[in-house]
Amino acid sequence: MDLSTTYLGMNLKNPLVPSSSPLTEDIGNLRAMEDSGAAAVALYSLFEEQITHESHTLNEHLLQGTDSFAEALSYFPDAGKYQRSPDVYLEHVQRAKEALDIPVIASLNGVSAGWWIEYAQNIEQAGADALELNIYYLPTDLHMTGAEVEALYLEALREVKTAVSIPVAMKLSPYFSAMANMA
């Protein structure tokens, strides 16, 4: 029986694509998924909060003690000692690509405009075959219309699509009020 299909423009031997989860953090698990028949894998997500948290933490360490006295520059910690989560994620994408013979789909999870582009490009350079965007915007402004919320999603998708050449998919929240209109 031929179960082949196409997803994100990629020809897959079947529609089995394990989704983003903690299981995809381990290369051994990814190999086991491939050995068990997975046609592609979607890696765990890199969250916008990880990037901003790591940046703030690094900045705090680098600025600690800088105003103590003239020689305070000697108190700067070695920047090489701080491994940033985005770097770890990009290395994981590279290792997954090296270890597997099936497509690797990376995942970005966030909400703020603009940050997507740099990390989408970095993920593409790391070797991902495709990218999944997972936007979780919680509209708390009572005056914001559903159309405006949808426009935020579409703008993020447009930004990323123009910045990378790999296929891009977007996960949508089940809470949209007019899913047919969004499509």
C-alpha atoms as a PDB file:
ATOM      1  CA  MET A   1       0.000   0.000   0.000  1.00  0.00           C
ATOM      2  CA  ASP A   2       1.375   3.393  -0.986  1.00  0.00           C
ATOM      3  CA  LEU A   3       1.097   5.824   1.928  1.00  0.00           C
ATOM      4  CA  SER A   4       3.312   8.499   0.407  1.00  0.00           C
ATOM      5  CA  THR A   5       2.185  12.077   0.789  1.00  0.00           C
ATOM      6  CA  THR A   6       3.395  15.635   0.426  1.00  0.00           C
ATOM      7  CA  TYR A   7       3.734  17.983   3.391  1.00  0.00           C
ATOM      8  CA  LEU A   8       5.191  21.480   3.131  1.00  0.00           C
ATOM      9  CA  GLY A   9       6.301  20.600  -0.383  1.00  0.00           C
ATOM     10  CA  MET A  10       8.336  17.648   0.894  1.00  0.00           C
ATOM     11  CA  ASN A  11       7.644  14.177  -0.461  1.00  0.00           C
ATOM     12  CA  LEU A  12       7.202  11.835   2.497  1.00  0.00           C
ATOM     13  CA  LYS A  13       6.977   8.038   2.433  1.00  0.00           C
ATOM     14  CA  ASN A  14       3.970   8.217   4.784  1.00  0.00           C
ATOM     15  CA  PRO A  15       2.074  10.799   6.850  1.00  0.00           C
ATOM     16  CA  LEU A  16       3.721   9.838  10.164  1.00  0.00           C
ATOM     17  CA  VAL A  17       5.389  12.990  11.493  1.00  0.00           C
ATOM     18  CA  PRO A  18       5.980  12.988  15.261  1.00  0.00           C
ATOM     19  CA  SER A  19       5.116  16.431  16.521  1.00  0.00           C
ATOM     20  CA  SER A  20       7.066  18.828  18.655  1.00  0.00           C
ATOM     21  CA  SER A  21       7.519  17.384  22.149  1.00  0.00           C
ATOM     22  CA  PRO A  22      10.197  16.801  24.800  1.00  0.00           C
ATOM     23  CA  LEU A  23      10.891  13.433  23.141  1.00  0.00           C
ATOM     24  CA  THR A  24      12.470  15.302  20.236  1.00  0.00           C
ATOM     25  CA  GLU A  25      15.139  16.820  22.506  1.00  0.00           C
ATOM     26  CA  ASP A  26      17.203  13.620  22.306  1.00  0.00           C
ATOM     27  CA  ILE A  27      18.960  12.487  19.112  1.00  0.00           C
ATOM     28  CA  GLY A  28      18.537   8.847  20.188  1.00  0.00           C
ATOM     29  CA  ASN A  29      14.777   9.341  20.366  1.00  0.00           C
ATOM     30  CA  LEU A  30      14.789  10.961  16.936  1.00  0.00           C
ATOM     31  CA  ARG A  31      16.665   7.980  15.495  1.00  0.00           C
ATOM     32  CA  ALA A  32      14.165   5.622  17.139  1.00  0.00           C
ATOM     33  CA  MET A  33      11.312   7.585  15.557  1.00  0.00           C
ATOM     34  CA  GLU A  34      12.951   7.288  12.154  1.00  0.00           C
ATOM     35  CA  ASP A  35      13.623   3.566  12.706  1.00  0.00           C
ATOM     36  CA  SER A  36       9.956   3.120  13.661  1.00  0.00           C
ATOM     37  CA  GLY A  37       8.771   4.579  10.368  1.00  0.00           C
ATOM     38  CA  ALA A  38       8.470   8.319  10.916  1.00  0.00           C
ATOM     39  CA  ALA A  39       8.707  10.110   7.575  1.00  0.00           C
ATOM     40  CA  ALA A  40       9.821  13.423   9.166  1.00  0.00           C
ATOM     41  CA  VAL A  41      10.139  14.874  12.668  1.00  0.00           C
ATOM     42  CA  ALA A  42       9.083  18.200  14.156  1.00  0.00           C
ATOM     43  CA  LEU A  43      11.555  19.275  16.831  1.00  0.00           C
ATOM     44  CA  TYR A  44      10.639  20.818  20.172  1.00  0.00           C
ATOM     45  CA  SER A  45      10.059  24.559  20.039  1.00  0.00           C
ATOM     46  CA  LEU A  46      12.459  27.391  20.641  1.00  0.00           C
ATOM     47  CA  PHE A  47      10.410  29.864  22.679  1.00  0.00           C
ATOM     48  CA  GLU A  48      10.673  33.626  22.410  1.00  0.00           C
ATOM     49  CA  GLU A  49      10.766  33.727  26.222  1.00  0.00           C
ATOM     50  CA  GLN A  50      13.925  31.583  26.250  1.00  0.00           C
ATOM     51  CA  ILE A  51      15.682  34.045  23.989  1.00  0.00           C
ATOM     52  CA  THR A  52      14.665  37.136  25.945  1.00  0.00           C
ATOM     53  CA  HIS A  53      15.369  35.476  29.317  1.00  0.00           C
ATOM     54  CA  GLU A  54      18.809  34.301  28.254  1.00  0.00           C
ATOM     55  CA  SER A  55      19.657  37.731  26.847  1.00  0.00           C
ATOM     56  CA  HIS A  56      18.601  39.486  30.049  1.00  0.00           C
ATOM     57  CA  THR A  57      20.492  36.995  32.240  1.00  0.00           C
ATOM     58  CA  LEU A  58      23.666  37.359  30.193  1.00  0.00           C
ATOM     59  CA  ASN A  59      23.387  41.136  30.304  1.00  0.00           C
ATOM     60  CA  GLU A  60      23.014  41.088  34.106  1.00  0.00           C
ATOM     61  CA  HIS A  61      26.157  38.969  34.460  1.00  0.00           C
ATOM     62  CA  LEU A  62      28.130  41.169  32.108  1.00  0.00           C
ATOM     63  CA  LEU A  63      27.138  44.372  33.880  1.00  0.00           C
ATOM     64  CA  GLN A  64      27.637  43.100  37.429  1.00  0.00           C
ATOM     65  CA  GLY A  65      30.341  45.140  39.174  1.00  0.00           C
ATOM     66  CA  THR A  66      31.060  47.419  36.220  1.00  0.00           C
ATOM     67  CA  ASP A  67      30.593  50.543  38.289  1.00  0.00           C
ATOM     68  CA  SER A  68      32.714  49.481  41.277  1.00  0.00           C
ATOM     69  CA  PHE A  69      36.000  51.175  40.346  1.00  0.00           C
ATOM     70  CA  ALA A  70      38.240  51.937  37.369  1.00  0.00           C
ATOM     71  CA  GLU A  71      39.616  48.404  37.006  1.00  0.00           C
ATOM     72  CA  ALA A  72      36.134  46.877  37.157  1.00  0.00           C
ATOM     73  CA  LEU A  73      36.419  45.652  33.576  1.00  0.00           C
ATOM     74  CA  SER A  74      38.523  42.793  34.927  1.00  0.00           C
ATOM     75  CA  TYR A  75      35.376  41.519  36.645  1.00  0.00           C
ATOM     76  CA  PHE A  76      33.603  40.800  33.368  1.00  0.00           C
ATOM     77  CA  PRO A  77      32.861  37.087  33.224  1.00  0.00           C
ATOM     78  CA  ASP A  78      34.159  35.204  30.221  1.00  0.00           C
ATOM     79  CA  ALA A  79      31.340  35.445  27.661  1.00  0.00           C
ATOM     80  CA  GLY A  80      32.267  31.991  26.396  1.00  0.00           C
ATOM     81  CA  LYS A  81      31.012  30.460  29.634  1.00  0.00           C
ATOM     82  CA  TYR A  82      27.421  31.416  28.884  1.00  0.00           C
ATOM     83  CA  GLN A  83      25.688  29.000  26.538  1.00  0.00           C
ATOM     84  CA  ARG A  84      22.578  30.669  25.205  1.00  0.00           C
ATOM     85  CA  SER A  85      19.490  28.538  24.637  1.00  0.00           C
ATOM     86  CA  PRO A  86      19.098  29.650  21.014  1.00  0.00           C
ATOM     87  CA  ASP A  87      22.620  28.400  20.298  1.00  0.00           C
ATOM     88  CA  VAL A  88      21.833  25.058  21.919  1.00  0.00           C
ATOM     89  CA  TYR A  89      18.689  24.799  19.791  1.00  0.00           C
ATOM     90  CA  LEU A  90      20.550  25.566  16.570  1.00  0.00           C
ATOM     91  CA  GLU A  91      23.178  22.954  17.430  1.00  0.00           C
ATOM     92  CA  HIS A  92      20.377  20.449  18.033  1.00  0.00           C
ATOM     93  CA  VAL A  93      18.931  21.186  14.583  1.00  0.00           C
ATOM     94  CA  GLN A  94      22.375  20.585  13.048  1.00  0.00           C
ATOM     95  CA  ARG A  95      22.904  17.331  14.962  1.00  0.00           C
ATOM     96  CA  ALA A  96      19.436  16.085  14.022  1.00  0.00           C
ATOM     97  CA  LYS A  97      20.107  16.783  10.344  1.00  0.00           C
ATOM     98  CA  GLU A  98      23.425  14.941  10.538  1.00  0.00           C
ATOM     99  CA  ALA A  99      21.895  11.947  12.341  1.00  0.00           C
ATOM    100  CA  LEU A 100      18.705  11.464  10.333  1.00  0.00           C
ATOM    101  CA  ASP A 101      17.803  10.643   6.750  1.00  0.00           C
ATOM    102  CA  ILE A 102      14.312  12.134   7.076  1.00  0.00           C
ATOM    103  CA  PRO A 103      13.292  15.805   6.992  1.00  0.00           C
ATOM    104  CA  VAL A 104      13.749  17.830  10.175  1.00  0.00           C
ATOM    105  CA  ILE A 105      11.130  20.471  10.910  1.00  0.00           C
ATOM    106  CA  ALA A 106      12.197  23.119  13.431  1.00  0.00           C
ATOM    107  CA  SER A 107       9.704  25.050  15.548  1.00  0.00           C
ATOM    108  CA  LEU A 108       9.537  28.645  16.794  1.00  0.00           C
ATOM    109  CA  ASN A 109       7.036  29.670  19.453  1.00  0.00           C
ATOM    110  CA  GLY A 110       6.384  33.322  20.211  1.00  0.00           C
ATOM    111  CA  VAL A 111       4.202  36.348  19.776  1.00  0.00           C
ATOM    112  CA  SER A 112       6.247  39.552  19.332  1.00  0.00           C
ATOM    113  CA  ALA A 113       6.662  41.041  15.894  1.00  0.00           C
ATOM    114  CA  GLY A 114      10.111  41.121  14.380  1.00  0.00           C
ATOM    115  CA  TRP A 115      12.027  38.546  16.438  1.00  0.00           C
ATOM    116  CA  TRP A 116      10.959  35.709  14.148  1.00  0.00           C
ATOM    117  CA  ILE A 117      13.127  36.749  11.218  1.00  0.00           C
ATOM    118  CA  GLU A 118      16.594  36.371  12.754  1.00  0.00           C
ATOM    119  CA  TYR A 119      15.845  33.023  14.350  1.00  0.00           C
ATOM    120  CA  ALA A 120      14.044  31.675  11.290  1.00  0.00           C
ATOM    121  CA  GLN A 121      17.139  32.515   9.226  1.00  0.00           C
ATOM    122  CA  ASN A 122      19.441  30.923  11.809  1.00  0.00           C
ATOM    123  CA  ILE A 123      17.313  27.776  11.824  1.00  0.00           C
ATOM    124  CA  GLU A 124      17.446  27.609   8.039  1.00  0.00           C
ATOM    125  CA  GLN A 125      21.238  28.008   8.144  1.00  0.00           C
ATOM    126  CA  ALA A 126      21.429  25.224  10.748  1.00  0.00           C
ATOM    127  CA  GLY A 127      19.928  22.895   8.146  1.00  0.00           C
ATOM    128  CA  ALA A 128      16.235  22.556   8.975  1.00  0.00           C
ATOM    129  CA  ASP A 129      14.161  21.304   6.057  1.00  0.00           C
ATOM    130  CA  ALA A 130      11.113  23.305   7.143  1.00  0.00           C
ATOM    131  CA  LEU A 131       9.907  25.582   9.913  1.00  0.00           C
ATOM    132  CA  GLU A 132       6.781  25.529  12.030  1.00  0.00           C
ATOM    133  CA  LEU A 133       5.594  28.795  13.615  1.00  0.00           C
ATOM    134  CA  ASN A 134       3.535  28.495  16.755  1.00  0.00           C
ATOM    135  CA  ILE A 135       2.050  31.844  17.691  1.00  0.00           C
ATOM    136  CA  TYR A 136       0.136  32.058  20.917  1.00  0.00           C
ATOM    137  CA  TYR A 137      -1.235  35.552  21.186  1.00  0.00           C
ATOM    138  CA  LEU A 138      -3.675  36.152  24.020  1.00  0.00           C
ATOM    139  CA  PRO A 139      -5.743  39.189  23.019  1.00  0.00           C
ATOM    140  CA  THR A 140      -6.576  41.078  26.193  1.00  0.00           C
ATOM    141  CA  ASP A 141      -7.512  44.388  24.562  1.00  0.00           C
ATOM    142  CA  LEU A 142     -11.317  44.529  24.516  1.00  0.00           C
ATOM    143  CA  HIS A 143     -11.204  46.869  21.535  1.00  0.00           C
ATOM    144  CA  MET A 144      -9.082  44.592  19.341  1.00  0.00           C
ATOM    145  CA  THR A 145     -11.131  42.901  16.650  1.00  0.00           C
ATOM    146  CA  GLY A 146     -10.791  39.314  15.503  1.00  0.00           C
ATOM    147  CA  ALA A 147      -9.582  40.626  12.152  1.00  0.00           C
ATOM    148  CA  GLU A 148      -6.769  42.512  13.902  1.00  0.00           C
ATOM    149  CA  VAL A 149      -5.703  39.354  15.743  1.00  0.00           C
ATOM    150  CA  GLU A 150      -5.701  37.440  12.471  1.00  0.00           C
ATOM    151  CA  ALA A 151      -3.652  40.224  10.868  1.00  0.00           C
ATOM    152  CA  LEU A 152      -0.956  39.773  13.559  1.00  0.00           C
ATOM    153  CA  TYR A 153      -0.656  36.097  12.655  1.00  0.00           C
ATOM    154  CA  LEU A 154      -0.555  36.774   8.935  1.00  0.00           C
ATOM    155  CA  GLU A 155       2.068  39.508   9.322  1.00  0.00           C
ATOM    156  CA  ALA A 156       4.364  37.186  11.293  1.00  0.00           C
ATOM    157  CA  LEU A 157       3.938  34.540   8.607  1.00  0.00           C
ATOM    158  CA  ARG A 158       4.694  37.059   5.833  1.00  0.00           C
ATOM    159  CA  GLU A 159       7.823  38.277   7.650  1.00  0.00           C
ATOM    160  CA  VAL A 160       9.212  34.777   7.998  1.00  0.00           C
ATOM    161  CA  LYS A 161       8.235  33.636   4.497  1.00  0.00           C
ATOM    162  CA  THR A 162      10.127  36.558   2.950  1.00  0.00           C
ATOM    163  CA  ALA A 163      13.202  35.897   5.126  1.00  0.00           C
ATOM    164  CA  VAL A 164      13.706  32.172   4.451  1.00  0.00           C
ATOM    165  CA  SER A 165      13.508  29.822   1.491  1.00  0.00           C
ATOM    166  CA  ILE A 166      12.502  26.686   3.422  1.00  0.00           C
ATOM    167  CA  PRO A 167       8.801  25.790   3.717  1.00  0.00           C
ATOM    168  CA  VAL A 168       6.937  27.398   6.625  1.00  0.00           C
ATOM    169  CA  ALA A 169       3.803  26.127   8.383  1.00  0.00           C
ATOM    170  CA  MET A 170       1.826  27.968  11.018  1.00  0.00           C
ATOM    171  CA  LYS A 171      -0.050  26.363  13.897  1.00  0.00           C
ATOM    172  CA  LEU A 172      -3.312  28.115  14.591  1.00  0.00           C
ATOM    173  CA  SER A 173      -5.083  28.391  17.897  1.00  0.00           C
ATOM    174  CA  PRO A 174      -8.368  26.486  18.139  1.00  0.00           C
ATOM    175  CA  TYR A 175      -9.923  29.634  19.593  1.00  0.00           C
ATOM    176  CA  PHE A 176     -10.251  31.645  16.395  1.00  0.00           C
ATOM    177  CA  SER A 177     -13.851  32.719  15.937  1.00  0.00           C
ATOM    178  CA  ALA A 178     -13.847  32.580  12.134  1.00  0.00           C
ATOM    179  CA  MET A 179     -11.478  29.783  11.123  1.00  0.00           C
ATOM    180  CA  ALA A 180     -12.896  29.620   7.586  1.00  0.00           C
ATOM    181  CA  ASN A 181     -12.151  33.313   7.134  1.00  0.00           C
ATOM    182  CA  MET A 182      -8.601  32.816   8.433  1.00  0.00           C
ATOM    183  CA  ALA A 183      -7.960  30.091   5.849  1.00  0.00           C
END
